[in-house]
């Protein structure tokens, strides 16, 4: 996939920027208005990073938790692997949140679900 050729809407740029900054109120507003505006919650930036990937980088657990329920499994899987690879201090919490949010997805990729 060539990410550089993707065209984001203004709303998607705001959404991804908010995720990168860990700006929970803007992320929440964007998610609540998805029916009114043209926002693909699974959109990626020119480097192929999803909102969840950017939220992991910002180490905003609140933003991560907010996004987990809204985006597709592929974004979740990629973002968790990214968090593990960078040695994020909140990796274990991200994994636990993921386990509670979608335990069936964890089983599909062989993660132990911790409760």
N, C-alpha and C. Protein backbone atom coordinates (compact mmCIF):
# COMPACT_ATOMS: atom_id res chain seq x y z
N UNK A 1 0.84 -1.19 0.00
CA UNK A 1 0.00 0.00 0.00
C UNK A 1 0.89 1.25 0.00
N UNK A 2 0.59 2.18 -0.82
CA UNK A 2 1.34 3.42 -0.90
C UNK A 2 0.60 4.48 -0.11
N UNK A 3 1.10 4.75 1.09
CA UNK A 3 0.42 5.68 1.98
C UNK A 3 0.53 7.12 1.52
N UNK A 4 1.60 7.45 0.83
CA UNK A 4 1.82 8.82 0.40
C UNK A 4 0.76 9.34 -0.55
N UNK A 5 0.06 8.44 -1.23
CA UNK A 5 -0.95 8.85 -2.21
C UNK A 5 -2.34 9.01 -1.61
N UNK A 6 -2.50 8.66 -0.34
CA UNK A 6 -3.81 8.77 0.30
C UNK A 6 -4.19 10.22 0.51
N UNK A 7 -5.43 10.52 0.28
CA UNK A 7 -5.95 11.87 0.51
C UNK A 7 -6.84 11.84 1.74
N UNK A 8 -6.43 12.55 2.76
CA UNK A 8 -7.23 12.65 3.97
C UNK A 8 -8.14 13.86 3.89
N UNK A 9 -9.32 13.73 4.49
CA UNK A 9 -10.20 14.89 4.60
C UNK A 9 -9.66 15.78 5.71
N UNK A 10 -10.15 16.99 5.78
CA UNK A 10 -9.75 17.89 6.87
C UNK A 10 -10.10 17.28 8.23
N UNK A 11 -11.27 16.65 8.30
CA UNK A 11 -11.72 16.03 9.55
C UNK A 11 -10.78 14.90 9.97
N UNK A 12 -10.31 14.12 8.99
CA UNK A 12 -9.39 13.03 9.30
C UNK A 12 -8.03 13.57 9.76
N UNK A 13 -7.59 14.66 9.18
CA UNK A 13 -6.33 15.28 9.63
C UNK A 13 -6.44 15.76 11.08
N UNK A 14 -7.56 16.39 11.39
CA UNK A 14 -7.79 16.86 12.77
C UNK A 14 -7.83 15.67 13.72
N UNK A 15 -8.53 14.63 13.35
CA UNK A 15 -8.66 13.40 14.15
C UNK A 15 -7.29 12.77 14.41
N UNK A 16 -6.48 12.60 13.36
CA UNK A 16 -5.16 11.99 13.53
C UNK A 16 -4.23 12.89 14.35
N UNK A 17 -4.32 14.19 14.13
CA UNK A 17 -3.50 15.12 14.90
C UNK A 17 -3.88 15.06 16.39
N UNK A 18 -5.18 15.00 16.66
CA UNK A 18 -5.64 14.90 18.05
C UNK A 18 -5.12 13.61 18.69
N UNK A 19 -5.13 12.51 17.94
CA UNK A 19 -4.61 11.25 18.46
C UNK A 19 -3.12 11.36 18.76
N UNK A 20 -2.39 12.02 17.87
CA UNK A 20 -0.95 12.18 18.06
C UNK A 20 -0.64 13.01 19.31
N UNK A 21 -1.52 13.95 19.62
CA UNK A 21 -1.33 14.81 20.79
C UNK A 21 -1.98 14.24 22.05
N UNK A 22 -2.75 13.17 21.89
CA UNK A 22 -3.48 12.63 23.03
C UNK A 22 -4.62 13.53 23.47
N UNK A 23 -5.17 14.29 22.53
CA UNK A 23 -6.24 15.26 22.81
C UNK A 23 -7.59 14.54 22.83
N UNK A 24 -7.94 14.00 23.99
CA UNK A 24 -9.14 13.18 24.13
C UNK A 24 -10.43 13.92 23.77
N UNK A 25 -10.64 15.16 24.19
CA UNK A 25 -11.89 15.83 23.83
C UNK A 25 -12.09 15.95 22.30
N UNK A 26 -11.03 16.23 21.56
CA UNK A 26 -11.15 16.33 20.11
C UNK A 26 -11.38 14.95 19.49
N UNK A 27 -10.69 13.94 19.99
CA UNK A 27 -10.91 12.58 19.48
C UNK A 27 -12.36 12.18 19.72
N UNK A 28 -12.86 12.42 20.94
CA UNK A 28 -14.24 12.07 21.28
C UNK A 28 -15.23 12.81 20.37
N UNK A 29 -14.99 14.10 20.16
CA UNK A 29 -15.86 14.89 19.30
C UNK A 29 -15.84 14.33 17.87
N UNK A 30 -14.68 14.00 17.37
CA UNK A 30 -14.57 13.43 16.02
C UNK A 30 -15.33 12.12 15.92
N UNK A 31 -15.19 11.26 16.92
CA UNK A 31 -15.87 9.97 16.90
C UNK A 31 -17.38 10.12 17.00
N UNK A 32 -17.84 11.09 17.79
CA UNK A 32 -19.28 11.31 17.95
C UNK A 32 -19.91 11.88 16.69
N UNK A 33 -19.12 12.56 15.89
CA UNK A 33 -19.65 13.21 14.69
C UNK A 33 -19.41 12.41 13.42
N UNK A 34 -19.01 11.14 13.53
CA UNK A 34 -18.69 10.36 12.34
C UNK A 34 -19.86 10.24 11.37
N UNK A 35 -21.08 10.24 11.88
CA UNK A 35 -22.24 10.16 10.98
C UNK A 35 -22.50 11.48 10.26
N UNK A 36 -22.08 12.58 10.85
CA UNK A 36 -22.34 13.90 10.28
C UNK A 36 -21.22 14.37 9.34
N UNK A 37 -20.02 13.86 9.55
CA UNK A 37 -18.88 14.29 8.73
C UNK A 37 -18.28 13.08 8.04
N UNK A 38 -17.43 13.34 7.08
CA UNK A 38 -16.79 12.25 6.35
C UNK A 38 -15.50 11.85 7.06
N UNK A 39 -15.64 11.00 8.08
CA UNK A 39 -14.48 10.56 8.85
C UNK A 39 -14.39 9.04 8.82
N UNK A 40 -13.31 8.55 8.29
CA UNK A 40 -13.00 7.13 8.34
C UNK A 40 -12.16 6.92 9.59
N UNK A 41 -12.72 6.28 10.62
CA UNK A 41 -12.00 6.12 11.88
C UNK A 41 -10.77 5.24 11.74
N UNK A 42 -10.67 4.50 10.66
CA UNK A 42 -9.52 3.64 10.41
C UNK A 42 -8.50 4.29 9.47
N UNK A 43 -8.64 5.58 9.23
CA UNK A 43 -7.73 6.26 8.31
C UNK A 43 -6.30 6.24 8.85
N UNK A 44 -5.35 6.41 7.95
CA UNK A 44 -3.94 6.43 8.31
C UNK A 44 -3.28 7.66 7.70
N UNK A 45 -2.19 8.09 8.34
CA UNK A 45 -1.46 9.23 7.82
C UNK A 45 -0.53 8.79 6.69
N UNK A 46 0.28 9.70 6.18
CA UNK A 46 1.14 9.40 5.04
C UNK A 46 2.19 8.33 5.35
N UNK A 47 2.40 8.04 6.63
CA UNK A 47 3.34 6.99 7.02
C UNK A 47 2.64 5.69 7.40
N UNK A 48 1.33 5.64 7.19
CA UNK A 48 0.56 4.44 7.47
C UNK A 48 0.20 4.25 8.93
N UNK A 49 0.26 5.31 9.72
CA UNK A 49 -0.05 5.22 11.15
C UNK A 49 -1.51 5.56 11.39
N UNK A 50 -2.18 4.67 12.13
CA UNK A 50 -3.59 4.90 12.48
C UNK A 50 -3.68 5.81 13.69
N UNK A 51 -4.89 6.22 14.02
CA UNK A 51 -5.10 7.05 15.21
C UNK A 51 -4.63 6.31 16.46
N UNK A 52 -4.89 5.01 16.53
CA UNK A 52 -4.47 4.24 17.71
C UNK A 52 -2.94 4.18 17.79
N UNK A 53 -2.28 3.99 16.67
CA UNK A 53 -0.81 3.98 16.63
C UNK A 53 -0.28 5.31 17.18
N UNK A 54 -0.87 6.41 16.73
CA UNK A 54 -0.44 7.74 17.18
C UNK A 54 -0.74 7.94 18.66
N UNK A 55 -1.88 7.43 19.12
CA UNK A 55 -2.23 7.55 20.54
C UNK A 55 -1.27 6.74 21.41
N UNK A 56 -0.84 5.58 20.93
CA UNK A 56 0.16 4.79 21.65
C UNK A 56 1.44 5.60 21.77
N UNK A 57 1.85 6.25 20.68
CA UNK A 57 3.05 7.09 20.72
C UNK A 57 2.93 8.23 21.73
N UNK A 58 1.73 8.79 21.85
CA UNK A 58 1.53 9.90 22.79
C UNK A 58 1.42 9.41 24.23
N UNK A 59 1.33 8.09 24.41
CA UNK A 59 1.19 7.45 25.71
C UNK A 59 -0.03 7.95 26.49
N UNK A 60 -1.08 8.26 25.74
CA UNK A 60 -2.34 8.68 26.35
C UNK A 60 -3.26 7.46 26.47
N UNK A 61 -3.29 6.86 27.66
CA UNK A 61 -4.13 5.69 27.86
C UNK A 61 -5.60 6.00 27.64
N UNK A 62 -6.02 7.19 28.00
CA UNK A 62 -7.42 7.56 27.81
C UNK A 62 -7.77 7.59 26.32
N UNK A 63 -6.86 8.12 25.51
CA UNK A 63 -7.08 8.14 24.06
C UNK A 63 -7.08 6.72 23.50
N UNK A 64 -6.15 5.90 23.97
CA UNK A 64 -6.08 4.50 23.52
C UNK A 64 -7.38 3.78 23.84
N UNK A 65 -7.86 3.91 25.06
CA UNK A 65 -9.09 3.24 25.47
C UNK A 65 -10.28 3.71 24.66
N UNK A 66 -10.32 4.99 24.37
CA UNK A 66 -11.42 5.55 23.58
C UNK A 66 -11.42 4.98 22.16
N UNK A 67 -10.26 4.82 21.59
CA UNK A 67 -10.15 4.35 20.21
C UNK A 67 -10.35 2.85 20.06
N UNK A 68 -10.04 2.08 21.08
CA UNK A 68 -10.10 0.63 20.97
C UNK A 68 -11.47 0.11 20.55
N UNK A 69 -12.53 0.74 21.02
CA UNK A 69 -13.88 0.26 20.69
C UNK A 69 -14.33 0.65 19.30
N UNK A 70 -13.62 1.54 18.64
CA UNK A 70 -14.12 2.10 17.39
C UNK A 70 -13.39 1.64 16.14
N UNK A 71 -12.15 1.20 16.27
CA UNK A 71 -11.37 0.91 15.07
C UNK A 71 -11.29 -0.59 14.80
N UNK A 72 -10.85 -0.95 13.60
CA UNK A 72 -10.84 -2.35 13.22
C UNK A 72 -9.67 -3.11 13.85
N UNK A 73 -9.78 -4.43 13.82
CA UNK A 73 -8.80 -5.28 14.47
C UNK A 73 -7.39 -5.09 13.92
N UNK A 74 -7.25 -4.89 12.61
CA UNK A 74 -5.92 -4.73 12.02
C UNK A 74 -5.20 -3.52 12.62
N UNK A 75 -5.92 -2.44 12.84
CA UNK A 75 -5.32 -1.26 13.47
C UNK A 75 -4.91 -1.55 14.90
N UNK A 76 -5.74 -2.31 15.61
CA UNK A 76 -5.44 -2.66 16.99
C UNK A 76 -4.19 -3.54 17.04
N UNK A 77 -4.15 -4.55 16.20
CA UNK A 77 -3.02 -5.46 16.19
C UNK A 77 -1.72 -4.72 15.86
N UNK A 78 -1.73 -3.90 14.83
CA UNK A 78 -0.53 -3.16 14.43
C UNK A 78 -0.08 -2.22 15.54
N UNK A 79 -1.00 -1.56 16.17
CA UNK A 79 -0.66 -0.60 17.21
C UNK A 79 -0.09 -1.27 18.45
N UNK A 80 -0.63 -2.43 18.81
CA UNK A 80 -0.10 -3.15 19.95
C UNK A 80 1.31 -3.65 19.66
N UNK A 81 1.53 -4.17 18.47
CA UNK A 81 2.87 -4.61 18.10
C UNK A 81 3.85 -3.44 18.10
N UNK A 82 3.37 -2.28 17.65
CA UNK A 82 4.20 -1.07 17.68
C UNK A 82 4.57 -0.70 19.12
N UNK A 83 3.59 -0.75 20.01
CA UNK A 83 3.84 -0.41 21.42
C UNK A 83 4.86 -1.36 22.03
N UNK A 84 4.75 -2.63 21.72
CA UNK A 84 5.69 -3.61 22.24
C UNK A 84 7.09 -3.35 21.68
N UNK A 85 7.18 -3.07 20.38
CA UNK A 85 8.49 -2.87 19.76
C UNK A 85 9.21 -1.63 20.28
N UNK A 86 8.46 -0.62 20.64
CA UNK A 86 9.11 0.60 21.14
C UNK A 86 9.32 0.58 22.65
N UNK A 87 8.88 -0.50 23.29
CA UNK A 87 9.06 -0.61 24.73
C UNK A 87 8.26 0.42 25.49
N UNK A 88 7.07 0.72 25.01
CA UNK A 88 6.21 1.72 25.65
C UNK A 88 5.95 1.34 27.09
N UNK A 89 6.01 2.32 27.97
CA UNK A 89 5.82 2.06 29.39
C UNK A 89 4.42 1.58 29.72
N UNK A 90 3.47 1.82 28.85
CA UNK A 90 2.09 1.44 29.11
C UNK A 90 1.67 0.21 28.31
N UNK A 91 2.63 -0.52 27.76
CA UNK A 91 2.31 -1.67 26.91
C UNK A 91 1.44 -2.69 27.62
N UNK A 92 1.75 -3.00 28.84
CA UNK A 92 0.98 -4.00 29.57
C UNK A 92 -0.45 -3.52 29.74
N UNK A 93 -0.62 -2.24 30.04
CA UNK A 93 -1.98 -1.71 30.19
C UNK A 93 -2.72 -1.75 28.87
N UNK A 94 -2.05 -1.43 27.78
CA UNK A 94 -2.69 -1.49 26.46
C UNK A 94 -3.15 -2.91 26.21
N UNK A 95 -2.30 -3.87 26.53
CA UNK A 95 -2.65 -5.27 26.31
C UNK A 95 -3.84 -5.66 27.17
N UNK A 96 -3.86 -5.23 28.43
CA UNK A 96 -4.99 -5.55 29.30
C UNK A 96 -6.27 -4.91 28.80
N UNK A 97 -6.18 -3.67 28.35
CA UNK A 97 -7.37 -2.99 27.80
C UNK A 97 -7.85 -3.75 26.59
N UNK A 98 -6.93 -4.16 25.72
CA UNK A 98 -7.31 -4.93 24.54
C UNK A 98 -7.96 -6.24 24.94
N UNK A 99 -7.44 -6.89 25.94
CA UNK A 99 -8.00 -8.17 26.39
C UNK A 99 -9.44 -8.01 26.85
N UNK A 100 -9.72 -6.92 27.57
CA UNK A 100 -11.09 -6.67 28.02
C UNK A 100 -11.99 -6.24 26.88
N UNK A 101 -11.44 -5.49 25.93
CA UNK A 101 -12.26 -4.93 24.86
C UNK A 101 -12.66 -5.97 23.83
N UNK A 102 -11.72 -6.83 23.47
CA UNK A 102 -12.03 -7.81 22.43
C UNK A 102 -11.24 -9.09 22.68
N UNK A 103 -11.64 -9.89 23.67
CA UNK A 103 -10.91 -11.11 24.01
C UNK A 103 -10.84 -12.10 22.86
N UNK A 104 -11.84 -12.14 22.00
CA UNK A 104 -11.81 -13.07 20.88
C UNK A 104 -10.70 -12.72 19.90
N UNK A 105 -10.43 -11.43 19.74
CA UNK A 105 -9.34 -11.00 18.85
C UNK A 105 -8.01 -11.44 19.44
N UNK A 106 -7.87 -11.37 20.76
CA UNK A 106 -6.62 -11.78 21.40
C UNK A 106 -6.38 -13.27 21.18
N UNK A 107 -7.44 -14.05 21.27
CA UNK A 107 -7.32 -15.48 21.08
C UNK A 107 -6.89 -15.79 19.66
N UNK A 108 -7.41 -15.03 18.67
CA UNK A 108 -7.06 -15.27 17.27
C UNK A 108 -5.57 -15.10 17.01
N UNK A 109 -4.91 -14.19 17.71
CA UNK A 109 -3.49 -13.99 17.48
C UNK A 109 -2.62 -14.65 18.54
N UNK A 110 -3.25 -15.43 19.43
CA UNK A 110 -2.50 -16.23 20.38
C UNK A 110 -2.06 -15.52 21.64
N UNK A 111 -2.67 -14.40 21.99
CA UNK A 111 -2.32 -13.72 23.24
C UNK A 111 -3.14 -14.33 24.36
N UNK A 112 -2.55 -14.43 25.52
CA UNK A 112 -3.27 -14.90 26.69
C UNK A 112 -4.14 -13.77 27.21
N UNK A 113 -5.40 -14.04 27.40
CA UNK A 113 -6.32 -13.03 27.91
C UNK A 113 -6.18 -12.99 29.42
N UNK A 114 -5.84 -11.82 29.95
CA UNK A 114 -5.64 -11.65 31.39
C UNK A 114 -6.81 -10.92 32.00
N UNK A 115 -7.43 -11.49 32.99
CA UNK A 115 -8.54 -10.84 33.68
C UNK A 115 -8.29 -10.82 35.16
